[in-house]
């Protein structure tokens, strides 16, 4: 009888260790999954920020090119004017 109780106790102990190990593994996977989600959000935010900056710089470049074109036309007009002596 004592031997049966001991076998039952050993089996129960093994099952408890297996359940514990499974919980640890699932917990680690959940933590890793959460980390991946956080990294993805950070990456998406970084991409959005860089796209906004790129658009901002494109706008500034467009304005600078327009200013250059205006100045070039102004120089051409001044060169075409007859010189007063």
PDB file of N, CA and C in Angstrom:
ATOM      1  N   UNK A   1       0.812  -1.192   0.000  1.00  0.00           N
ATOM      2  CA  UNK A   1       0.000   0.000   0.000  1.00  0.00           C
ATOM      3  C   UNK A   1       0.858   1.260   0.000  1.00  0.00           C
ATOM      4  N   UNK A   2       1.893   1.219   0.826  1.00  0.00           N
ATOM      5  CA  UNK A   2       2.792   2.346   0.913  1.00  0.00           C
ATOM      6  C   UNK A   2       3.489   2.590  -0.429  1.00  0.00           C
ATOM      7  N   UNK A   3       3.786   1.504  -1.098  1.00  0.00           N
ATOM      8  CA  UNK A   3       4.444   1.584  -2.391  1.00  0.00           C
ATOM      9  C   UNK A   3       3.530   2.245  -3.423  1.00  0.00           C
ATOM     10  N   UNK A   4       2.245   1.977  -3.408  1.00  0.00           N
ATOM     11  CA  UNK A   4       1.271   2.584  -4.307  1.00  0.00           C
ATOM     12  C   UNK A   4       1.173   4.088  -4.069  1.00  0.00           C
ATOM     13  N   UNK A   5       1.151   4.457  -2.827  1.00  0.00           N
ATOM     14  CA  UNK A   5       1.070   5.878  -2.485  1.00  0.00           C
ATOM     15  C   UNK A   5       2.332   6.587  -2.987  1.00  0.00           C
ATOM     16  N   UNK A   6       3.485   5.947  -2.814  1.00  0.00           N
ATOM     17  CA  UNK A   6       4.752   6.529  -3.253  1.00  0.00           C
ATOM     18  C   UNK A   6       4.770   6.688  -4.774  1.00  0.00           C
ATOM     19  N   UNK A   7       4.292   5.706  -5.527  1.00  0.00           N
ATOM     20  CA  UNK A   7       4.221   5.785  -6.982  1.00  0.00           C
ATOM     21  C   UNK A   7       3.254   6.881  -7.414  1.00  0.00           C
ATOM     22  N   UNK A   8       2.129   6.966  -6.729  1.00  0.00           N
ATOM     23  CA  UNK A   8       1.144   8.009  -7.022  1.00  0.00           C
ATOM     24  C   UNK A   8       1.759   9.385  -6.772  1.00  0.00           C
ATOM     25  N   UNK A   9       2.462   9.519  -5.666  1.00  0.00           N
ATOM     26  CA  UNK A   9       3.106  10.780  -5.311  1.00  0.00           C
ATOM     27  C   UNK A   9       4.178  11.136  -6.344  1.00  0.00           C
ATOM     28  N   UNK A  10       4.991  10.171  -6.751  1.00  0.00           N
ATOM     29  CA  UNK A  10       6.026  10.413  -7.761  1.00  0.00           C
ATOM     30  C   UNK A  10       5.404  10.824  -9.092  1.00  0.00           C
ATOM     31  N   UNK A  11       4.355  10.171  -9.498  1.00  0.00           N
ATOM     32  CA  UNK A  11       3.657  10.516 -10.743  1.00  0.00           C
ATOM     33  C   UNK A  11       3.078  11.917 -10.688  1.00  0.00           C
ATOM     34  N   UNK A  12       2.496  12.243  -9.549  1.00  0.00           N
ATOM     35  CA  UNK A  12       1.927  13.572  -9.361  1.00  0.00           C
ATOM     36  C   UNK A  12       3.022  14.634  -9.406  1.00  0.00           C
ATOM     37  N   UNK A  13       4.141  14.344  -8.805  1.00  0.00           N
ATOM     38  CA  UNK A  13       5.265  15.269  -8.791  1.00  0.00           C
ATOM     39  C   UNK A  13       5.807  15.489 -10.207  1.00  0.00           C
ATOM     40  N   UNK A  14       5.925  14.420 -10.970  1.00  0.00           N
ATOM     41  CA  UNK A  14       6.391  14.528 -12.362  1.00  0.00           C
ATOM     42  C   UNK A  14       5.417  15.364 -13.180  1.00  0.00           C
ATOM     43  N   UNK A  15       4.116  15.127 -13.003  1.00  0.00           N
ATOM     44  CA  UNK A  15       3.111  15.906 -13.732  1.00  0.00           C
ATOM     45  C   UNK A  15       3.187  17.382 -13.351  1.00  0.00           C
ATOM     46  N   UNK A  16       3.398  17.673 -12.083  1.00  0.00           N
ATOM     47  CA  UNK A  16       3.501  19.066 -11.647  1.00  0.00           C
ATOM     48  C   UNK A  16       4.722  19.733 -12.289  1.00  0.00           C
ATOM     49  N   UNK A  17       5.859  19.015 -12.363  1.00  0.00           N
ATOM     50  CA  UNK A  17       7.051  19.575 -12.994  1.00  0.00           C
ATOM     51  C   UNK A  17       6.824  19.809 -14.483  1.00  0.00           C
ATOM     52  N   UNK A  18       6.135  18.895 -15.131  1.00  0.00           N
ATOM     53  CA  UNK A  18       5.830  19.065 -16.556  1.00  0.00           C
ATOM     54  C   UNK A  18       4.927  20.275 -16.785  1.00  0.00           C
ATOM     55  N   UNK A  19       3.918  20.420 -15.952  1.00  0.00           N
ATOM     56  CA  UNK A  19       3.016  21.577 -16.066  1.00  0.00           C
ATOM     57  C   UNK A  19       3.803  22.864 -15.834  1.00  0.00           C
ATOM     58  N   UNK A  20       4.660  22.863 -14.828  1.00  0.00           N
ATOM     59  CA  UNK A  20       5.482  24.033 -14.547  1.00  0.00           C
ATOM     60  C   UNK A  20       6.376  24.378 -15.740  1.00  0.00           C
ATOM     61  N   UNK A  21       7.003  23.366 -16.315  1.00  0.00           N
ATOM     62  CA  UNK A  21       7.879  23.586 -17.471  1.00  0.00           C
ATOM     63  C   UNK A  21       7.079  24.159 -18.647  1.00  0.00           C
ATOM     64  N   UNK A  22       5.888  23.628 -18.866  1.00  0.00           N
ATOM     65  CA  UNK A  22       5.033  24.146 -19.951  1.00  0.00           C
ATOM     66  C   UNK A  22       4.666  25.606 -19.707  1.00  0.00           C
ATOM     67  N   UNK A  23       4.347  25.940 -18.484  1.00  0.00           N
ATOM     68  CA  UNK A  23       4.007  27.325 -18.155  1.00  0.00           C
ATOM     69  C   UNK A  23       5.188  28.260 -18.379  1.00  0.00           C
ATOM     70  N   UNK A  24       6.371  27.807 -18.032  1.00  0.00           N
ATOM     71  CA  UNK A  24       7.570  28.624 -18.246  1.00  0.00           C
ATOM     72  C   UNK A  24       7.791  28.847 -19.739  1.00  0.00           C
ATOM     73  N   UNK A  25       7.650  27.797 -20.522  1.00  0.00           N
ATOM     74  CA  UNK A  25       7.850  27.914 -21.968  1.00  0.00           C
ATOM     75  C   UNK A  25       6.824  28.859 -22.580  1.00  0.00           C
ATOM     76  N   UNK A  26       5.560  28.702 -22.205  1.00  0.00           N
ATOM     77  CA  UNK A  26       4.506  29.569 -22.732  1.00  0.00           C
ATOM     78  C   UNK A  26       4.751  31.007 -22.303  1.00  0.00           C
ATOM     79  N   UNK A  27       5.166  31.199 -21.071  1.00  0.00           N
ATOM     80  CA  UNK A  27       5.451  32.541 -20.570  1.00  0.00           C
ATOM     81  C   UNK A  27       6.579  33.188 -21.357  1.00  0.00           C
ATOM     82  N   UNK A  28       7.618  32.435 -21.649  1.00  0.00           N
ATOM     83  CA  UNK A  28       8.745  32.968 -22.423  1.00  0.00           C
ATOM     84  C   UNK A  28       8.297  33.346 -23.831  1.00  0.00           C
ATOM     85  N   UNK A  29       7.487  32.506 -24.447  1.00  0.00           N
ATOM     86  CA  UNK A  29       6.998  32.796 -25.791  1.00  0.00           C
ATOM     87  C   UNK A  29       6.106  34.033 -25.777  1.00  0.00           C
ATOM     88  N   UNK A  30       5.286  34.179 -24.750  1.00  0.00           N
ATOM     89  CA  UNK A  30       4.423  35.351 -24.647  1.00  0.00           C
ATOM     90  C   UNK A  30       5.260  36.612 -24.489  1.00  0.00           C
ATOM     91  N   UNK A  31       6.294  36.546 -23.652  1.00  0.00           N
ATOM     92  CA  UNK A  31       7.173  37.695 -23.447  1.00  0.00           C
ATOM     93  C   UNK A  31       7.894  38.048 -24.741  1.00  0.00           C
ATOM     94  N   UNK A  32       8.360  37.038 -25.454  1.00  0.00           N
ATOM     95  CA  UNK A  32       9.041  37.270 -26.724  1.00  0.00           C
ATOM     96  C   UNK A  32       8.076  37.876 -27.733  1.00  0.00           C
ATOM     97  N   UNK A  33       6.858  37.372 -27.768  1.00  0.00           N
ATOM     98  CA  UNK A  33       5.850  37.898 -28.681  1.00  0.00           C
ATOM     99  C   UNK A  33       5.552  39.359 -28.362  1.00  0.00           C
ATOM    100  N   UNK A  34       5.460  39.688 -27.100  1.00  0.00           N
ATOM    101  CA  UNK A  34       5.202  41.067 -26.683  1.00  0.00           C
ATOM    102  C   UNK A  34       6.364  41.967 -27.107  1.00  0.00           C
ATOM    103  N   UNK A  35       7.578  41.474 -26.963  1.00  0.00           N
ATOM    104  CA  UNK A  35       8.764  42.241 -27.359  1.00  0.00           C
ATOM    105  C   UNK A  35       8.754  42.495 -28.865  1.00  0.00           C
ATOM    106  N   UNK A  36       8.396  41.487 -29.629  1.00  0.00           N
ATOM    107  CA  UNK A  36       8.328  41.635 -31.088  1.00  0.00           C
ATOM    108  C   UNK A  36       7.275  42.672 -31.458  1.00  0.00           C
ATOM    109  N   UNK A  37       6.136  42.649 -30.778  1.00  0.00           N
ATOM    110  CA  UNK A  37       5.087  43.640 -31.046  1.00  0.00           C
ATOM    111  C   UNK A  37       5.580  45.047 -30.747  1.00  0.00           C
ATOM    112  N   UNK A  38       6.259  45.221 -29.630  1.00  0.00           N
ATOM    113  CA  UNK A  38       6.783  46.541 -29.259  1.00  0.00           C
ATOM    114  C   UNK A  38       7.816  47.021 -30.276  1.00  0.00           C
ATOM    115  N   UNK A  39       8.661  46.118 -30.729  1.00  0.00           N
ATOM    116  CA  UNK A  39       9.662  46.485 -31.726  1.00  0.00           C
ATOM    117  C   UNK A  39       8.997  46.871 -33.045  1.00  0.00           C
ATOM    118  N   UNK A  40       7.935  46.159 -33.409  1.00  0.00           N
ATOM    119  CA  UNK A  40       7.223  46.473 -34.650  1.00  0.00           C
ATOM    120  C   UNK A  40       6.588  47.857 -34.564  1.00  0.00           C
ATOM    121  N   UNK A  41       5.992  48.173 -33.423  1.00  0.00           N
ATOM    122  CA  UNK A  41       5.374  49.492 -33.239  1.00  0.00           C
ATOM    123  C   UNK A  41       6.445  50.574 -33.323  1.00  0.00           C
ATOM    124  N   UNK A  42       7.570  50.357 -32.658  1.00  0.00           N
ATOM    125  CA  UNK A  42       8.663  51.332 -32.693  1.00  0.00           C
ATOM    126  C   UNK A  42       9.168  51.519 -34.116  1.00  0.00           C
ATOM    127  N   UNK A  43       9.302  50.424 -34.850  1.00  0.00           N
ATOM    128  CA  UNK A  43       9.768  50.482 -36.228  1.00  0.00           C
ATOM    129  C   UNK A  43       8.787  51.258 -37.099  1.00  0.00           C
ATOM    130  N   UNK A  44       7.496  51.005 -36.932  1.00  0.00           N
ATOM    131  CA  UNK A  44       6.481  51.719 -37.708  1.00  0.00           C
ATOM    132  C   UNK A  44       6.494  53.207 -37.385  1.00  0.00           C
ATOM    133  N   UNK A  45       6.676  53.551 -36.118  1.00  0.00           N
ATOM    134  CA  UNK A  45       6.750  54.960 -35.731  1.00  0.00           C
ATOM    135  C   UNK A  45       7.975  55.626 -36.353  1.00  0.00           C
ATOM    136  N   UNK A  46       9.079  54.915 -36.374  1.00  0.00           N
ATOM    137  CA  UNK A  46      10.306  55.456 -36.963  1.00  0.00           C
ATOM    138  C   UNK A  46      10.130  55.674 -38.461  1.00  0.00           C
ATOM    139  N   UNK A  47       9.482  54.738 -39.136  1.00  0.00           N
ATOM    140  CA  UNK A  47       9.228  54.884 -40.575  1.00  0.00           C
ATOM    141  C   UNK A  47       8.330  56.097 -40.825  1.00  0.00           C
ATOM    142  N   UNK A  48       7.269  56.229 -40.035  1.00  0.00           N
ATOM    143  CA  UNK A  48       6.354  57.363 -40.201  1.00  0.00           C
ATOM    144  C   UNK A  48       7.091  58.688 -39.991  1.00  0.00           C
ATOM    145  N   UNK A  49       7.941  58.742 -38.974  1.00  0.00           N
ATOM    146  CA  UNK A  49       8.713  59.955 -38.699  1.00  0.00           C
ATOM    147  C   UNK A  49       9.621  60.297 -39.877  1.00  0.00           C
ATOM    148  N   UNK A  50      10.319  59.288 -40.382  1.00  0.00           N
ATOM    149  CA  UNK A  50      11.238  59.529 -41.502  1.00  0.00           C
ATOM    150  C   UNK A  50      10.485  59.942 -42.765  1.00  0.00           C
ATOM    151  N   UNK A  51       9.284  59.397 -42.973  1.00  0.00           N
ATOM    152  CA  UNK A  51       8.496  59.797 -44.137  1.00  0.00           C
ATOM    153  C   UNK A  51       8.049  61.251 -44.013  1.00  0.00           C
ATOM    154  N   UNK A  52       7.651  61.652 -42.779  1.00  0.00           N
ATOM    155  CA  UNK A  52       7.271  63.051 -42.571  1.00  0.00           C
ATOM    156  C   UNK A  52       8.454  63.975 -42.837  1.00  0.00           C
ATOM    157  N   UNK A  53       9.629  63.601 -42.331  1.00  0.00           N
ATOM    158  CA  UNK A  53      10.829  64.409 -42.554  1.00  0.00           C
ATOM    159  C   UNK A  53      11.174  64.479 -44.034  1.00  0.00           C
ATOM    160  N   UNK A  54      11.044  63.365 -44.736  1.00  0.00           N
ATOM    161  CA  UNK A  54      11.333  63.333 -46.166  1.00  0.00           C
ATOM    162  C   UNK A  54      10.400  64.276 -46.919  1.00  0.00           C
ATOM    163  N   UNK A  55       9.111  64.242 -46.581  1.00  0.00           N
ATOM    164  CA  UNK A  55       8.153  65.130 -47.237  1.00  0.00           C
ATOM    165  C   UNK A  55       8.470  66.595 -46.930  1.00  0.00           C
ATOM    166  N   UNK A  56       8.848  66.846 -45.689  1.00  0.00           N
ATOM    167  CA  UNK A  56       9.207  68.210 -45.293  1.00  0.00           C
ATOM    168  C   UNK A  56      10.425  68.697 -46.090  1.00  0.00           C
ATOM    169  N   UNK A  57      11.429  67.847 -46.213  1.00  0.00           N
ATOM    170  CA  UNK A  57      12.621  68.220 -46.971  1.00  0.00           C
ATOM    171  C   UNK A  57      12.331  68.378 -48.457  1.00  0.00           C
ATOM    172  N   UNK A  58      11.445  67.551 -48.989  1.00  0.00           N
ATOM    173  CA  UNK A  58      11.065  67.692 -50.397  1.00  0.00           C
ATOM    174  C   UNK A  58      10.393  69.033 -50.630  1.00  0.00           C
ATOM    175  N   UNK A  59       9.541  69.455 -49.681  1.00  0.00           N
ATOM    176  CA  UNK A  59       8.885  70.761 -49.791  1.00  0.00           C
ATOM    177  C   UNK A  59       9.899  71.891 -49.758  1.00  0.00           C
ATOM    178  N   UNK A  60      10.867  71.806 -48.853  1.00  0.00           N
ATOM    179  CA  UNK A  60      11.901  72.839 -48.780  1.00  0.00           C
ATOM    180  C   UNK A  60      12.745  72.863 -50.052  1.00  0.00           C
ATOM    181  N   UNK A  61      13.055  71.687 -50.574  1.00  0.00           N
ATOM    182  CA  UNK A  61      13.845  71.606 -51.800  1.00  0.00           C
ATOM    183  C   UNK A  61      13.074  72.202 -52.981  1.00  0.00           C
ATOM    184  N   UNK A  62      11.783  71.925 -53.051  1.00  0.00           N
ATOM    185  CA  UNK A  62      10.948  72.473 -54.123  1.00  0.00           C
ATOM    186  C   UNK A  62      10.952  74.000 -54.059  1.00  0.00           C
ATOM    187  N   UNK A  63      10.789  74.555 -52.848  1.00  0.00           N
ATOM    188  CA  UNK A  63      10.797  76.018 -52.690  1.00  0.00           C
ATOM    189  C   UNK A  63      12.151  76.596 -53.075  1.00  0.00           C
ATOM    190  N   UNK A  64      13.226  75.930 -52.667  1.00  0.00           N
ATOM    191  CA  UNK A  64      14.567  76.414 -53.006  1.00  0.00           C
ATOM    192  C   UNK A  64      14.780  76.389 -54.517  1.00  0.00           C
ATOM    193  N   UNK A  65      14.317  75.337 -55.181  1.00  0.00           N
ATOM    194  CA  UNK A  65      14.449  75.261 -56.643  1.00  0.00           C
ATOM    195  C   UNK A  65      13.632  76.350 -57.326  1.00  0.00           C
ATOM    196  N   UNK A  66      12.448  76.650 -56.802  1.00  0.00           N
ATOM    197  CA  UNK A  66      11.632  77.732 -57.362  1.00  0.00           C
ATOM    198  C   UNK A  66      12.342  79.071 -57.193  1.00  0.00           C
ATOM    199  N   UNK A  67      12.932  79.291 -56.036  1.00  0.00           N
ATOM    200  CA  UNK A  67      13.666  80.535 -55.783  1.00  0.00           C
ATOM    201  C   UNK A  67      14.858  80.646 -56.724  1.00  0.00           C
ATOM    202  N   UNK A  68      15.567  79.548 -56.925  1.00  0.00           N
ATOM    203  CA  UNK A  68      16.704  79.549 -57.853  1.00  0.00           C
ATOM    204  C   UNK A  68      16.240  79.887 -59.261  1.00  0.00           C
ATOM    205  N   UNK A  69      15.124  79.298 -59.676  1.00  0.00           N
ATOM    206  CA  UNK A  69      14.601  79.577 -61.029  1.00  0.00           C
ATOM    207  C   UNK A  69      14.231  81.043 -61.173  1.00  0.00           C
ATOM    208  N   UNK A  70      13.596  81.608 -60.160  1.00  0.00           N
ATOM    209  CA  UNK A  70      13.221  83.031 -60.203  1.00  0.00           C
ATOM    210  C   UNK A  70      14.460  83.912 -60.291  1.00  0.00           C
ATOM    211  N   UNK A  71      15.460  83.594 -59.493  1.00  0.00           N
ATOM    212  CA  UNK A  71      16.691  84.386 -59.511  1.00  0.00           C
ATOM    213  C   UNK A  71      17.412  84.264 -60.845  1.00  0.00           C
ATOM    214  N   UNK A  72      17.402  83.068 -61.424  1.00  0.00           N
ATOM    215  CA  UNK A  72      18.029  82.886 -62.738  1.00  0.00           C
ATOM    216  C   UNK A  72      17.316  83.723 -63.794  1.00  0.00           C
ATOM    217  N   UNK A  73      15.964  83.734 -63.752  1.00  0.00           N
ATOM    218  CA  UNK A  73      15.197  84.546 -64.704  1.00  0.00           C
ATOM    219  C   UNK A  73      15.478  86.025 -64.487  1.00  0.00           C
ATOM    220  N   UNK A  74      15.609  86.440 -63.245  1.00  0.00           N
ATOM    221  CA  UNK A  74      15.900  87.837 -62.929  1.00  0.00           C
ATOM    222  C   UNK A  74      17.273  88.226 -63.472  1.00  0.00           C
ATOM    223  N   UNK A  75      18.262  87.359 -63.319  1.00  0.00           N
ATOM    224  CA  UNK A  75      19.606  87.624 -63.847  1.00  0.00           C
ATOM    225  C   UNK A  75      19.568  87.717 -65.364  1.00  0.00           C
ATOM    226  N   UNK A  76      18.819  86.810 -66.003  1.00  0.00           N
ATOM    227  CA  UNK A  76      18.713  86.836 -67.465  1.00  0.00           C
ATOM    228  C   UNK A  76      18.077  88.133 -67.935  1.00  0.00           C
ATOM    229  N   UNK A  77      17.050  88.589 -67.228  1.00  0.00           N
ATOM    230  CA  UNK A  77      16.379  89.844 -67.604  1.00  0.00           C
ATOM    231  C   UNK A  77      17.356  91.015 -67.463  1.00  0.00           C
ATOM    232  N   UNK A  78      18.140  91.021 -66.412  1.00  0.00           N
ATOM    233  CA  UNK A  78      19.096  92.128 -66.198  1.00  0.00           C
ATOM    234  C   UNK A  78      20.207  92.098 -67.249  1.00  0.00           C
ATOM    235  N   UNK A  79      20.576  90.919 -67.657  1.00  0.00           N
ATOM    236  CA  UNK A  79      21.620  90.818 -68.684  1.00  0.00           C
ATOM    237  C   UNK A  79      21.096  91.290 -70.034  1.00  0.00           C
ATOM    238  N   UNK A  80      19.802  91.097 -70.296  1.00  0.00           N
ATOM    239  CA  UNK A  80      19.197  91.459 -71.556  1.00  0.00           C
ATOM    240  C   UNK A  80      18.912  92.959 -71.640  1.00  0.00           C
ATOM    241  N   UNK A  81      18.824  93.649 -70.511  1.00  0.00           N
ATOM    242  CA  UNK A  81      18.520  95.084 -70.506  1.00  0.00           C
ATOM    243  C   UNK A  81      19.709  95.846 -71.087  1.00  0.00           C
ATOM    244  N   UNK A  82      19.408  96.881 -71.845  1.00  0.00           N
ATOM    245  CA  UNK A  82      20.525  97.694 -72.371  1.00  0.00           C
ATOM    246  C   UNK A  82      21.202  98.440 -71.223  1.00  0.00           C
ATOM    247  N   UNK A  83      22.487  98.560 -71.322  1.00  0.00           N
ATOM    248  CA  UNK A  83      23.247  99.223 -70.278  1.00  0.00           C
ATOM    249  C   UNK A  83      23.207 100.719 -70.516  1.00  0.00           C
ATOM    250  N   UNK A  84      22.985 101.447 -69.459  1.00  0.00           N
ATOM    251  CA  UNK A  84      22.972 102.917 -69.560  1.00  0.00           C
ATOM    252  C   UNK A  84      24.375 103.443 -69.303  1.00  0.00           C
ATOM    253  N   UNK A  85      24.789 104.308 -70.185  1.00  0.00           N
ATOM    254  CA  UNK A  85      26.131 104.857 -70.011  1.00  0.00           C
ATOM    255  C   UNK A  85      26.089 106.331 -69.890  1.00  0.00           C
TER     256      UNK A  85
END
